Amino acid sequence: REMLGLLEARFARLGPGRAYTGLLPRALANKVRSLPLPEAAEWLSG
């Protein structure tokens, strides 16, 4: 839930193109970039 809230806030503020930039290392961002936000939150938290 906390991870999903963080991602939703970043997407709203930065847009999908920059949401993961500055948050995750590039290799890790590439793993979740194409996932829907709930799945990305699940991947990053568990």
ModelCIF file with pLDDT and N, C-alpha, C, O atoms, coordinates in Angstrom:
data_MODEL
#
_entry.id   MODEL 
#
_entity.id                         1 
_entity.type                       polymer 
_entity.pdbx_number_of_molecules   1 
#
_entity_poly.entity_id                      1 
_entity_poly.type                           'polypeptide(L)' 
_entity_poly.nstd_linkage                   no 
_entity_poly.nstd_monomer                   no 
_entity_poly.pdbx_seq_one_letter_code       REMLGLLEARFARLGPGRAYTGLLPRALANKVRSLPLPEAAEWLSG 
_entity_poly.pdbx_seq_one_letter_code_can   REMLGLLEARFARLGPGRAYTGLLPRALANKVRSLPLPEAAEWLSG 
_entity_poly.pdbx_strand_id                 A 
#
loop_
_entity_poly_seq.entity_id 
_entity_poly_seq.num 
_entity_poly_seq.mon_id 
_entity_poly_seq.hetero 
1 1  ARG n 
1 2  GLU n 
1 3  MET n 
1 4  LEU n 
1 5  GLY n 
1 6  LEU n 
1 7  LEU n 
1 8  GLU n 
1 9  ALA n 
1 10 ARG n 
1 11 PHE n 
1 12 ALA n 
1 13 ARG n 
1 14 LEU n 
1 15 GLY n 
1 16 PRO n 
1 17 GLY n 
1 18 ARG n 
1 19 ALA n 
1 20 TYR n 
1 21 THR n 
1 22 GLY n 
1 23 LEU n 
1 24 LEU n 
1 25 PRO n 
1 26 ARG n 
1 27 ALA n 
1 28 LEU n 
1 29 ALA n 
1 30 ASN n 
1 31 LYS n 
1 32 VAL n 
1 33 ARG n 
1 34 SER n 
1 35 LEU n 
1 36 PRO n 
1 37 LEU n 
1 38 PRO n 
1 39 GLU n 
1 40 ALA n 
1 41 ALA n 
1 42 GLU n 
1 43 TRP n 
1 44 LEU n 
1 45 SER n 
1 46 GLY n 
#
_struct_asym.id          A 
_struct_asym.entity_id   1 
#
loop_
_ma_qa_metric.id 
_ma_qa_metric.mode 
_ma_qa_metric.name 
_ma_qa_metric.software_group_id 
_ma_qa_metric.type 
1 global pLDDT . pLDDT 
2 local  pLDDT . pLDDT 
#
_ma_qa_metric_global.metric_id      1 
_ma_qa_metric_global.metric_value   96.26 
_ma_qa_metric_global.model_id       1 
_ma_qa_metric_global.ordinal_id     1 
#
loop_
_ma_qa_metric_local.label_asym_id 
_ma_qa_metric_local.label_comp_id 
_ma_qa_metric_local.label_seq_id 
_ma_qa_metric_local.metric_id 
_ma_qa_metric_local.metric_value 
_ma_qa_metric_local.model_id 
_ma_qa_metric_local.ordinal_id 
A ARG 1  2 93.00 1 1  
A GLU 2  2 94.00 1 2  
A MET 3  2 96.00 1 3  
A LEU 4  2 96.00 1 4  
A GLY 5  2 97.00 1 5  
A LEU 6  2 97.00 1 6  
A LEU 7  2 97.00 1 7  
A GLU 8  2 97.00 1 8  
A ALA 9  2 98.00 1 9  
A ARG 10 2 98.00 1 10 
A PHE 11 2 97.00 1 11 
A ALA 12 2 97.00 1 12 
A ARG 13 2 97.00 1 13 
A LEU 14 2 97.00 1 14 
A GLY 15 2 96.00 1 15 
A PRO 16 2 92.00 1 16 
A GLY 17 2 92.00 1 17 
A ARG 18 2 96.00 1 18 
A ALA 19 2 97.00 1 19 
A TYR 20 2 97.00 1 20 
A THR 21 2 96.00 1 21 
A GLY 22 2 96.00 1 22 
A LEU 23 2 97.00 1 23 
A LEU 24 2 98.00 1 24 
A PRO 25 2 97.00 1 25 
A ARG 26 2 97.00 1 26 
A ALA 27 2 97.00 1 27 
A LEU 28 2 97.00 1 28 
A ALA 29 2 97.00 1 29 
A ASN 30 2 96.00 1 30 
A LYS 31 2 96.00 1 31 
A VAL 32 2 97.00 1 32 
A ARG 33 2 95.00 1 33 
A SER 34 2 95.00 1 34 
A LEU 35 2 97.00 1 35 
A PRO 36 2 97.00 1 36 
A LEU 37 2 97.00 1 37 
A PRO 38 2 96.00 1 38 
A GLU 39 2 97.00 1 39 
A ALA 40 2 97.00 1 40 
A ALA 41 2 97.00 1 41 
A GLU 42 2 95.00 1 42 
A TRP 43 2 97.00 1 43 
A LEU 44 2 97.00 1 44 
A SER 45 2 95.00 1 45 
A GLY 46 2 94.00 1 46 
#
loop_
_atom_site.group_PDB 
_atom_site.id 
_atom_site.type_symbol 
_atom_site.label_atom_id 
_atom_site.label_alt_id 
_atom_site.label_comp_id 
_atom_site.label_asym_id 
_atom_site.label_entity_id 
_atom_site.label_seq_id 
_atom_site.pdbx_PDB_ins_code 
_atom_site.Cartn_x 
_atom_site.Cartn_y 
_atom_site.Cartn_z 
_atom_site.occupancy 
_atom_site.B_iso_or_equiv 
_atom_site.pdbx_formal_charge 
_atom_site.auth_seq_id 
_atom_site.auth_comp_id 
_atom_site.auth_asym_id 
_atom_site.auth_atom_id 
_atom_site.pdbx_PDB_model_num 
ATOM 1   N N  . ARG A 1 1  ? 0.825  -1.209  0.000   1.00 93.00 ? 1  ARG A N  1 
ATOM 2   C CA . ARG A 1 1  ? 0.000  0.000   0.000   1.00 93.00 ? 1  ARG A CA 1 
ATOM 3   C C  . ARG A 1 1  ? 0.865  1.268   0.000   1.00 93.00 ? 1  ARG A C  1 
ATOM 4   O O  . ARG A 1 1  ? 0.598  2.204   -0.754  1.00 93.00 ? 1  ARG A O  1 
ATOM 5   N N  . GLU A 1 2  ? 1.898  1.294   0.846   1.00 94.00 ? 2  GLU A N  1 
ATOM 6   C CA . GLU A 1 2  ? 2.773  2.465   0.915   1.00 94.00 ? 2  GLU A CA 1 
ATOM 7   C C  . GLU A 1 2  ? 3.558  2.639   -0.388  1.00 94.00 ? 2  GLU A C  1 
ATOM 8   O O  . GLU A 1 2  ? 3.752  3.760   -0.858  1.00 94.00 ? 2  GLU A O  1 
ATOM 9   N N  . MET A 1 3  ? 4.004  1.525   -0.963  1.00 96.00 ? 3  MET A N  1 
ATOM 10  C CA . MET A 1 3  ? 4.745  1.603   -2.216  1.00 96.00 ? 3  MET A CA 1 
ATOM 11  C C  . MET A 1 3  ? 3.834  2.110   -3.333  1.00 96.00 ? 3  MET A C  1 
ATOM 12  O O  . MET A 1 3  ? 4.246  2.941   -4.143  1.00 96.00 ? 3  MET A O  1 
ATOM 13  N N  . LEU A 1 4  ? 2.606  1.617   -3.376  1.00 96.00 ? 4  LEU A N  1 
ATOM 14  C CA . LEU A 1 4  ? 1.670  2.058   -4.399  1.00 96.00 ? 4  LEU A CA 1 
ATOM 15  C C  . LEU A 1 4  ? 1.363  3.553   -4.248  1.00 96.00 ? 4  LEU A C  1 
ATOM 16  O O  . LEU A 1 4  ? 1.277  4.279   -5.239  1.00 96.00 ? 4  LEU A O  1 
ATOM 17  N N  . GLY A 1 5  ? 1.201  4.001   -3.009  1.00 97.00 ? 5  GLY A N  1 
ATOM 18  C CA . GLY A 1 5  ? 0.945  5.422   -2.785  1.00 97.00 ? 5  GLY A CA 1 
ATOM 19  C C  . GLY A 1 5  ? 2.089  6.282   -3.272  1.00 97.00 ? 5  GLY A C  1 
ATOM 20  O O  . GLY A 1 5  ? 1.868  7.342   -3.859  1.00 97.00 ? 5  GLY A O  1 
ATOM 21  N N  . LEU A 1 6  ? 3.329  5.830   -3.029  1.00 97.00 ? 6  LEU A N  1 
ATOM 22  C CA . LEU A 1 6  ? 4.506  6.577   -3.483  1.00 97.00 ? 6  LEU A CA 1 
ATOM 23  C C  . LEU A 1 6  ? 4.526  6.665   -5.002  1.00 97.00 ? 6  LEU A C  1 
ATOM 24  O O  . LEU A 1 6  ? 4.749  7.737   -5.565  1.00 97.00 ? 6  LEU A O  1 
ATOM 25  N N  . LEU A 1 7  ? 4.293  5.535   -5.662  1.00 97.00 ? 7  LEU A N  1 
ATOM 26  C CA . LEU A 1 7  ? 4.345  5.523   -7.127  1.00 97.00 ? 7  LEU A CA 1 
ATOM 27  C C  . LEU A 1 7  ? 3.235  6.372   -7.731  1.00 97.00 ? 7  LEU A C  1 
ATOM 28  O O  . LEU A 1 7  ? 3.465  7.094   -8.702  1.00 97.00 ? 7  LEU A O  1 
ATOM 29  N N  . GLU A 1 8  ? 2.043  6.294   -7.172  1.00 97.00 ? 8  GLU A N  1 
ATOM 30  C CA . GLU A 1 8  ? 0.937  7.092   -7.696  1.00 97.00 ? 8  GLU A CA 1 
ATOM 31  C C  . GLU A 1 8  ? 1.232  8.579   -7.568  1.00 97.00 ? 8  GLU A C  1 
ATOM 32  O O  . GLU A 1 8  ? 0.929  9.359   -8.471  1.00 97.00 ? 8  GLU A O  1 
ATOM 33  N N  . ALA A 1 9  ? 1.821  8.966   -6.447  1.00 98.00 ? 9  ALA A N  1 
ATOM 34  C CA . ALA A 1 9  ? 2.141  10.377  -6.245  1.00 98.00 ? 9  ALA A CA 1 
ATOM 35  C C  . ALA A 1 9  ? 3.196  10.841  -7.243  1.00 98.00 ? 9  ALA A C  1 
ATOM 36  O O  . ALA A 1 9  ? 3.097  11.951  -7.767  1.00 98.00 ? 9  ALA A O  1 
ATOM 37  N N  . ARG A 1 10 ? 4.188  10.027  -7.511  1.00 98.00 ? 10 ARG A N  1 
ATOM 38  C CA . ARG A 1 10 ? 5.233  10.408  -8.453  1.00 98.00 ? 10 ARG A CA 1 
ATOM 39  C C  . ARG A 1 10 ? 4.693  10.467  -9.888  1.00 98.00 ? 10 ARG A C  1 
ATOM 40  O O  . ARG A 1 10 ? 5.053  11.358  -10.657 1.00 98.00 ? 10 ARG A O  1 
ATOM 41  N N  . PHE A 1 11 ? 3.828  9.509   -10.238 1.00 97.00 ? 11 PHE A N  1 
ATOM 42  C CA . PHE A 1 11 ? 3.246  9.539   -11.582 1.00 97.00 ? 11 PHE A CA 1 
ATOM 43  C C  . PHE A 1 11 ? 2.403  10.795  -11.781 1.00 97.00 ? 11 PHE A C  1 
ATOM 44  O O  . PHE A 1 11 ? 2.433  11.400  -12.853 1.00 97.00 ? 11 PHE A O  1 
ATOM 45  N N  . ALA A 1 12 ? 1.650  11.191  -10.749 1.00 97.00 ? 12 ALA A N  1 
ATOM 46  C CA . ALA A 1 12 ? 0.812  12.377  -10.857 1.00 97.00 ? 12 ALA A CA 1 
ATOM 47  C C  . ALA A 1 12 ? 1.649  13.643  -10.975 1.00 97.00 ? 12 ALA A C  1 
ATOM 48  O O  . ALA A 1 12 ? 1.276  14.580  -11.680 1.00 97.00 ? 12 ALA A O  1 
ATOM 49  N N  . ARG A 1 13 ? 2.785  13.665  -10.281 1.00 97.00 ? 13 ARG A N  1 
ATOM 50  C CA . ARG A 1 13 ? 3.604  14.878  -10.252 1.00 97.00 ? 13 ARG A CA 1 
ATOM 51  C C  . ARG A 1 13 ? 4.587  14.956  -11.407 1.00 97.00 ? 13 ARG A C  1 
ATOM 52  O O  . ARG A 1 13 ? 4.816  16.029  -11.964 1.00 97.00 ? 13 ARG A O  1 
ATOM 53  N N  . LEU A 1 14 ? 5.181  13.788  -11.776 1.00 97.00 ? 14 LEU A N  1 
ATOM 54  C CA . LEU A 1 14 ? 6.256  13.783  -12.768 1.00 97.00 ? 14 LEU A CA 1 
ATOM 55  C C  . LEU A 1 14 ? 5.856  13.197  -14.117 1.00 97.00 ? 14 LEU A C  1 
ATOM 56  O O  . LEU A 1 14 ? 6.532  13.413  -15.122 1.00 97.00 ? 14 LEU A O  1 
ATOM 57  N N  . GLY A 1 15 ? 4.752  12.454  -14.130 1.00 96.00 ? 15 GLY A N  1 
ATOM 58  C CA . GLY A 1 15 ? 4.357  11.788  -15.365 1.00 96.00 ? 15 GLY A CA 1 
ATOM 59  C C  . GLY A 1 15 ? 5.057  10.459  -15.505 1.00 96.00 ? 15 GLY A C  1 
ATOM 60  O O  . GLY A 1 15 ? 6.061  10.223  -14.833 1.00 96.00 ? 15 GLY A O  1 
ATOM 61  N N  . PRO A 1 16 ? 4.555  9.579   -16.364 1.00 92.00 ? 16 PRO A N  1 
ATOM 62  C CA . PRO A 1 16 ? 5.122  8.231   -16.507 1.00 92.00 ? 16 PRO A CA 1 
ATOM 63  C C  . PRO A 1 16 ? 6.553  8.228   -17.014 1.00 92.00 ? 16 PRO A C  1 
ATOM 64  O O  . PRO A 1 16 ? 7.299  7.294   -16.721 1.00 92.00 ? 16 PRO A O  1 
ATOM 65  N N  . GLY A 1 17 ? 6.955  9.234   -17.759 1.00 92.00 ? 17 GLY A N  1 
ATOM 66  C CA . GLY A 1 17 ? 8.307  9.245   -18.318 1.00 92.00 ? 17 GLY A CA 1 
ATOM 67  C C  . GLY A 1 17 ? 9.395  9.442   -17.274 1.00 92.00 ? 17 GLY A C  1 
ATOM 68  O O  . GLY A 1 17 ? 10.509 8.942   -17.433 1.00 92.00 ? 17 GLY A O  1 
ATOM 69  N N  . ARG A 1 18 ? 9.073  10.185  -16.184 1.00 96.00 ? 18 ARG A N  1 
ATOM 70  C CA . ARG A 1 18 ? 10.100 10.513  -15.185 1.00 96.00 ? 18 ARG A CA 1 
ATOM 71  C C  . ARG A 1 18 ? 9.784  9.957   -13.802 1.00 96.00 ? 18 ARG A C  1 
ATOM 72  O O  . ARG A 1 18 ? 10.507 10.246  -12.849 1.00 96.00 ? 18 ARG A O  1 
ATOM 73  N N  . ALA A 1 19 ? 8.728  9.172   -13.672 1.00 97.00 ? 19 ALA A N  1 
ATOM 74  C CA . ALA A 1 19 ? 8.296  8.723   -12.348 1.00 97.00 ? 19 ALA A CA 1 
ATOM 75  C C  . ALA A 1 19 ? 9.359  7.904   -11.615 1.00 97.00 ? 19 ALA A C  1 
ATOM 76  O O  . ALA A 1 19 ? 9.501  8.022   -10.398 1.00 97.00 ? 19 ALA A O  1 
ATOM 77  N N  . TYR A 1 20 ? 10.099 7.083   -12.343 1.00 97.00 ? 20 TYR A N  1 
ATOM 78  C CA . TYR A 1 20 ? 11.095 6.224   -11.705 1.00 97.00 ? 20 TYR A CA 1 
ATOM 79  C C  . TYR A 1 20 ? 12.489 6.852   -11.688 1.00 97.00 ? 20 TYR A C  1 
ATOM 80  O O  . TYR A 1 20 ? 13.365 6.386   -10.960 1.00 97.00 ? 20 TYR A O  1 
ATOM 81  N N  . THR A 1 21 ? 12.701 7.894   -12.475 1.00 96.00 ? 21 THR A N  1 
ATOM 82  C CA . THR A 1 21 ? 14.008 8.546   -12.523 1.00 96.00 ? 21 THR A CA 1 
ATOM 83  C C  . THR A 1 21 ? 14.268 9.258   -11.207 1.00 96.00 ? 21 THR A C  1 
ATOM 84  O O  . THR A 1 21 ? 13.442 10.041  -10.737 1.00 96.00 ? 21 THR A O  1 
ATOM 85  N N  . GLY A 1 22 ? 15.416 8.981   -10.620 1.00 96.00 ? 22 GLY A N  1 
ATOM 86  C CA . GLY A 1 22 ? 15.749 9.571   -9.337  1.00 96.00 ? 22 GLY A CA 1 
ATOM 87  C C  . GLY A 1 22 ? 15.243 8.769   -8.155  1.00 96.00 ? 22 GLY A C  1 
ATOM 88  O O  . GLY A 1 22 ? 15.578 9.066   -7.009  1.00 96.00 ? 22 GLY A O  1 
ATOM 89  N N  . LEU A 1 23 ? 14.438 7.756   -8.427  1.00 97.00 ? 23 LEU A N  1 
ATOM 90  C CA . LEU A 1 23 ? 13.928 6.896   -7.359  1.00 97.00 ? 23 LEU A CA 1 
ATOM 91  C C  . LEU A 1 23 ? 14.626 5.544   -7.355  1.00 97.00 ? 23 LEU A C  1 
ATOM 92  O O  . LEU A 1 23 ? 14.997 5.031   -6.300  1.00 97.00 ? 23 LEU A O  1 
ATOM 93  N N  . LEU A 1 24 ? 14.802 4.967   -8.547  1.00 98.00 ? 24 LEU A N  1 
ATOM 94  C CA . LEU A 1 24 ? 15.367 3.629   -8.678  1.00 98.00 ? 24 LEU A CA 1 
ATOM 95  C C  . LEU A 1 24 ? 16.609 3.644   -9.564  1.00 98.00 ? 24 LEU A C  1 
ATOM 96  O O  . LEU A 1 24 ? 16.705 4.470   -10.472 1.00 98.00 ? 24 LEU A O  1 
ATOM 97  N N  . PRO A 1 25 ? 17.553 2.752   -9.318  1.00 97.00 ? 25 PRO A N  1 
ATOM 98  C CA . PRO A 1 25 ? 18.645 2.566   -10.268 1.00 97.00 ? 25 PRO A CA 1 
ATOM 99  C C  . PRO A 1 25 ? 18.078 2.196   -11.641 1.00 97.00 ? 25 PRO A C  1 
ATOM 100 O O  . PRO A 1 25 ? 17.005 1.599   -11.730 1.00 97.00 ? 25 PRO A O  1 
ATOM 101 N N  . ARG A 1 26 ? 18.786 2.543   -12.692 1.00 97.00 ? 26 ARG A N  1 
ATOM 102 C CA . ARG A 1 26 ? 18.274 2.353   -14.046 1.00 97.00 ? 26 ARG A CA 1 
ATOM 103 C C  . ARG A 1 26 ? 17.861 0.904   -14.311 1.00 97.00 ? 26 ARG A C  1 
ATOM 104 O O  . ARG A 1 26 ? 16.795 0.654   -14.875 1.00 97.00 ? 26 ARG A O  1 
ATOM 105 N N  . ALA A 1 27 ? 18.704 -0.052  -13.904 1.00 97.00 ? 27 ALA A N  1 
ATOM 106 C CA . ALA A 1 27 ? 18.396 -1.457  -14.176 1.00 97.00 ? 27 ALA A CA 1 
ATOM 107 C C  . ALA A 1 27 ? 17.112 -1.876  -13.485 1.00 97.00 ? 27 ALA A C  1 
ATOM 108 O O  . ALA A 1 27 ? 16.330 -2.648  -14.040 1.00 97.00 ? 27 ALA A O  1 
ATOM 109 N N  . LEU A 1 28 ? 16.889 -1.378  -12.285 1.00 97.00 ? 28 LEU A N  1 
ATOM 110 C CA . LEU A 1 28 ? 15.676 -1.730  -11.557 1.00 97.00 ? 28 LEU A CA 1 
ATOM 111 C C  . LEU A 1 28 ? 14.457 -1.033  -12.153 1.00 97.00 ? 28 LEU A C  1 
ATOM 112 O O  . LEU A 1 28 ? 13.382 -1.625  -12.252 1.00 97.00 ? 28 LEU A O  1 
ATOM 113 N N  . ALA A 1 29 ? 14.627 0.216   -12.546 1.00 97.00 ? 29 ALA A N  1 
ATOM 114 C CA . ALA A 1 29 ? 13.519 0.943   -13.188 1.00 97.00 ? 29 ALA A CA 1 
ATOM 115 C C  . ALA A 1 29 ? 13.076 0.240   -14.463 1.00 97.00 ? 29 ALA A C  1 
ATOM 116 O O  . ALA A 1 29 ? 11.885 0.182   -14.766 1.00 97.00 ? 29 ALA A O  1 
ATOM 117 N N  . ASN A 1 30 ? 14.033 -0.291  -15.203 1.00 96.00 ? 30 ASN A N  1 
ATOM 118 C CA . ASN A 1 30 ? 13.696 -0.988  -16.443 1.00 96.00 ? 30 ASN A CA 1 
ATOM 119 C C  . ASN A 1 30 ? 12.845 -2.231  -16.185 1.00 96.00 ? 30 ASN A C  1 
ATOM 120 O O  . ASN A 1 30 ? 12.089 -2.662  -17.056 1.00 96.00 ? 30 ASN A O  1 
ATOM 121 N N  . LYS A 1 31 ? 12.968 -2.798  -15.001 1.00 96.00 ? 31 LYS A N  1 
ATOM 122 C CA . LYS A 1 31 ? 12.204 -3.998  -14.677 1.00 96.00 ? 31 LYS A CA 1 
ATOM 123 C C  . LYS A 1 31 ? 10.724 -3.696  -14.455 1.00 96.00 ? 31 LYS A C  1 
ATOM 124 O O  . LYS A 1 31 ? 9.870  -4.535  -14.741 1.00 96.00 ? 31 LYS A O  1 
ATOM 125 N N  . VAL A 1 32 ? 10.416 -2.506  -13.950 1.00 97.00 ? 32 VAL A N  1 
ATOM 126 C CA . VAL A 1 32 ? 9.036  -2.217  -13.554 1.00 97.00 ? 32 VAL A CA 1 
ATOM 127 C C  . VAL A 1 32 ? 8.361  -1.165  -14.423 1.00 97.00 ? 32 VAL A C  1 
ATOM 128 O O  . VAL A 1 32 ? 7.157  -0.938  -14.302 1.00 97.00 ? 32 VAL A O  1 
ATOM 129 N N  . ARG A 1 33 ? 9.122  -0.528  -15.290 1.00 95.00 ? 33 ARG A N  1 
ATOM 130 C CA . ARG A 1 33 ? 8.594  0.604   -16.051 1.00 95.00 ? 33 ARG A CA 1 
ATOM 131 C C  . ARG A 1 33 ? 7.334  0.253   -16.853 1.00 95.00 ? 33 ARG A C  1 
ATOM 132 O O  . ARG A 1 33 ? 6.414  1.065   -16.954 1.00 95.00 ? 33 ARG A O  1 
ATOM 133 N N  . SER A 1 34 ? 7.297  -0.949  -17.416 1.00 95.00 ? 34 SER A N  1 
ATOM 134 C CA . SER A 1 34 ? 6.176  -1.316  -18.278 1.00 95.00 ? 34 SER A CA 1 
ATOM 135 C C  . SER A 1 34 ? 5.012  -1.948  -17.521 1.00 95.00 ? 34 SER A C  1 
ATOM 136 O O  . SER A 1 34 ? 3.991  -2.285  -18.121 1.00 95.00 ? 34 SER A O  1 
ATOM 137 N N  . LEU A 1 35 ? 5.159  -2.111  -16.210 1.00 97.00 ? 35 LEU A N  1 
ATOM 138 C CA . LEU A 1 35 ? 4.113  -2.759  -15.424 1.00 97.00 ? 35 LEU A CA 1 
ATOM 139 C C  . LEU A 1 35 ? 3.051  -1.759  -14.990 1.00 97.00 ? 35 LEU A C  1 
ATOM 140 O O  . LEU A 1 35 ? 3.376  -0.595  -14.751 1.00 97.00 ? 35 LEU A O  1 
ATOM 141 N N  . PRO A 1 36 ? 1.805  -2.170  -14.881 1.00 97.00 ? 36 PRO A N  1 
ATOM 142 C CA . PRO A 1 36 ? 0.791  -1.323  -14.250 1.00 97.00 ? 36 PRO A CA 1 
ATOM 143 C C  . PRO A 1 36 ? 1.220  -0.986  -12.829 1.00 97.00 ? 36 PRO A C  1 
ATOM 144 O O  . PRO A 1 36 ? 1.927  -1.774  -12.200 1.00 97.00 ? 36 PRO A O  1 
ATOM 145 N N  . LEU A 1 37 ? 0.816  0.147   -12.318 1.00 97.00 ? 37 LEU A N  1 
ATOM 146 C CA . LEU A 1 37 ? 1.295  0.587   -11.007 1.00 97.00 ? 37 LEU A CA 1 
ATOM 147 C C  . LEU A 1 37 ? 1.062  -0.430  -9.890  1.00 97.00 ? 37 LEU A C  1 
ATOM 148 O O  . LEU A 1 37 ? 1.972  -0.641  -9.088  1.00 97.00 ? 37 LEU A O  1 
ATOM 149 N N  . PRO A 1 38 ? -0.102 -1.069  -9.794  1.00 96.00 ? 38 PRO A N  1 
ATOM 150 C CA . PRO A 1 38 ? -0.264 -2.065  -8.722  1.00 96.00 ? 38 PRO A CA 1 
ATOM 151 C C  . PRO A 1 38 ? 0.753  -3.204  -8.821  1.00 96.00 ? 38 PRO A C  1 
ATOM 152 O O  . PRO A 1 38 ? 1.260  -3.676  -7.803  1.00 96.00 ? 38 PRO A O  1 
ATOM 153 N N  . GLU A 1 39 ? 1.049  -3.643  -10.040 1.00 97.00 ? 39 GLU A N  1 
ATOM 154 C CA . GLU A 1 39 ? 2.025  -4.720  -10.204 1.00 97.00 ? 39 GLU A CA 1 
ATOM 155 C C  . GLU A 1 39 ? 3.445  -4.221  -9.904  1.00 97.00 ? 39 GLU A C  1 
ATOM 156 O O  . GLU A 1 39 ? 4.250  -4.951  -9.325  1.00 97.00 ? 39 GLU A O  1 
ATOM 157 N N  . ALA A 1 40 ? 3.749  -2.987  -10.294 1.00 97.00 ? 40 ALA A N  1 
ATOM 158 C CA . ALA A 1 40 ? 5.063  -2.421  -9.991  1.00 97.00 ? 40 ALA A CA 1 
ATOM 159 C C  . ALA A 1 40 ? 5.259  -2.299  -8.482  1.00 97.00 ? 40 ALA A C  1 
ATOM 160 O O  . ALA A 1 40 ? 6.333  -2.592  -7.958  1.00 97.00 ? 40 ALA A O  1 
ATOM 161 N N  . ALA A 1 41 ? 4.197  -1.859  -7.789  1.00 97.00 ? 41 ALA A N  1 
ATOM 162 C CA . ALA A 1 41 ? 4.278  -1.745  -6.329  1.00 97.00 ? 41 ALA A CA 1 
ATOM 163 C C  . ALA A 1 41 ? 4.485  -3.110  -5.690  1.00 97.00 ? 41 ALA A C  1 
ATOM 164 O O  . ALA A 1 41 ? 5.255  -3.243  -4.739  1.00 97.00 ? 41 ALA A O  1 
ATOM 165 N N  . GLU A 1 42 ? 3.795  -4.129  -6.213  1.00 95.00 ? 42 GLU A N  1 
ATOM 166 C CA . GLU A 1 42 ? 3.955  -5.487  -5.695  1.00 95.00 ? 42 GLU A CA 1 
ATOM 167 C C  . GLU A 1 42 ? 5.374  -5.989  -5.938  1.00 95.00 ? 42 GLU A C  1 
ATOM 168 O O  . GLU A 1 42 ? 5.969  -6.617  -5.063  1.00 95.00 ? 42 GLU A O  1 
ATOM 169 N N  . TRP A 1 43 ? 5.912  -5.718  -7.114  1.00 97.00 ? 43 TRP A N  1 
ATOM 170 C CA . TRP A 1 43 ? 7.263  -6.159  -7.474  1.00 97.00 ? 43 TRP A CA 1 
ATOM 171 C C  . TRP A 1 43 ? 8.290  -5.517  -6.537  1.00 97.00 ? 43 TRP A C  1 
ATOM 172 O O  . TRP A 1 43 ? 9.195  -6.195  -6.051  1.00 97.00 ? 43 TRP A O  1 
ATOM 173 N N  . LEU A 1 44 ? 8.153  -4.221  -6.284  1.00 97.00 ? 44 LEU A N  1 
ATOM 174 C CA . LEU A 1 44 ? 9.151  -3.490  -5.504  1.00 97.00 ? 44 LEU A CA 1 
ATOM 175 C C  . LEU A 1 44 ? 9.041  -3.735  -3.997  1.00 97.00 ? 44 LEU A C  1 
ATOM 176 O O  . LEU A 1 44 ? 10.014 -3.554  -3.265  1.00 97.00 ? 44 LEU A O  1 
ATOM 177 N N  . SER A 1 45 ? 7.876  -4.139  -3.540  1.00 95.00 ? 45 SER A N  1 
ATOM 178 C CA . SER A 1 45 ? 7.709  -4.337  -2.097  1.00 95.00 ? 45 SER A CA 1 
ATOM 179 C C  . SER A 1 45 ? 7.688  -5.804  -1.698  1.00 95.00 ? 45 SER A C  1 
ATOM 180 O O  . SER A 1 45 ? 7.745  -6.122  -0.510  1.00 95.00 ? 45 SER A O  1 
ATOM 181 N N  . GLY A 1 46 ? 7.608  -6.701  -2.673  1.00 94.00 ? 46 GLY A N  1 
ATOM 182 C CA . GLY A 1 46 ? 7.539  -8.117  -2.314  1.00 94.00 ? 46 GLY A CA 1 
ATOM 183 C C  . GLY A 1 46 ? 7.900  -9.034  -3.454  1.00 94.00 ? 46 GLY A C  1 
ATOM 184 O O  . GLY A 1 46 ? 7.884  -10.254 -3.293  1.00 94.00 ? 46 GLY A O  1 
#
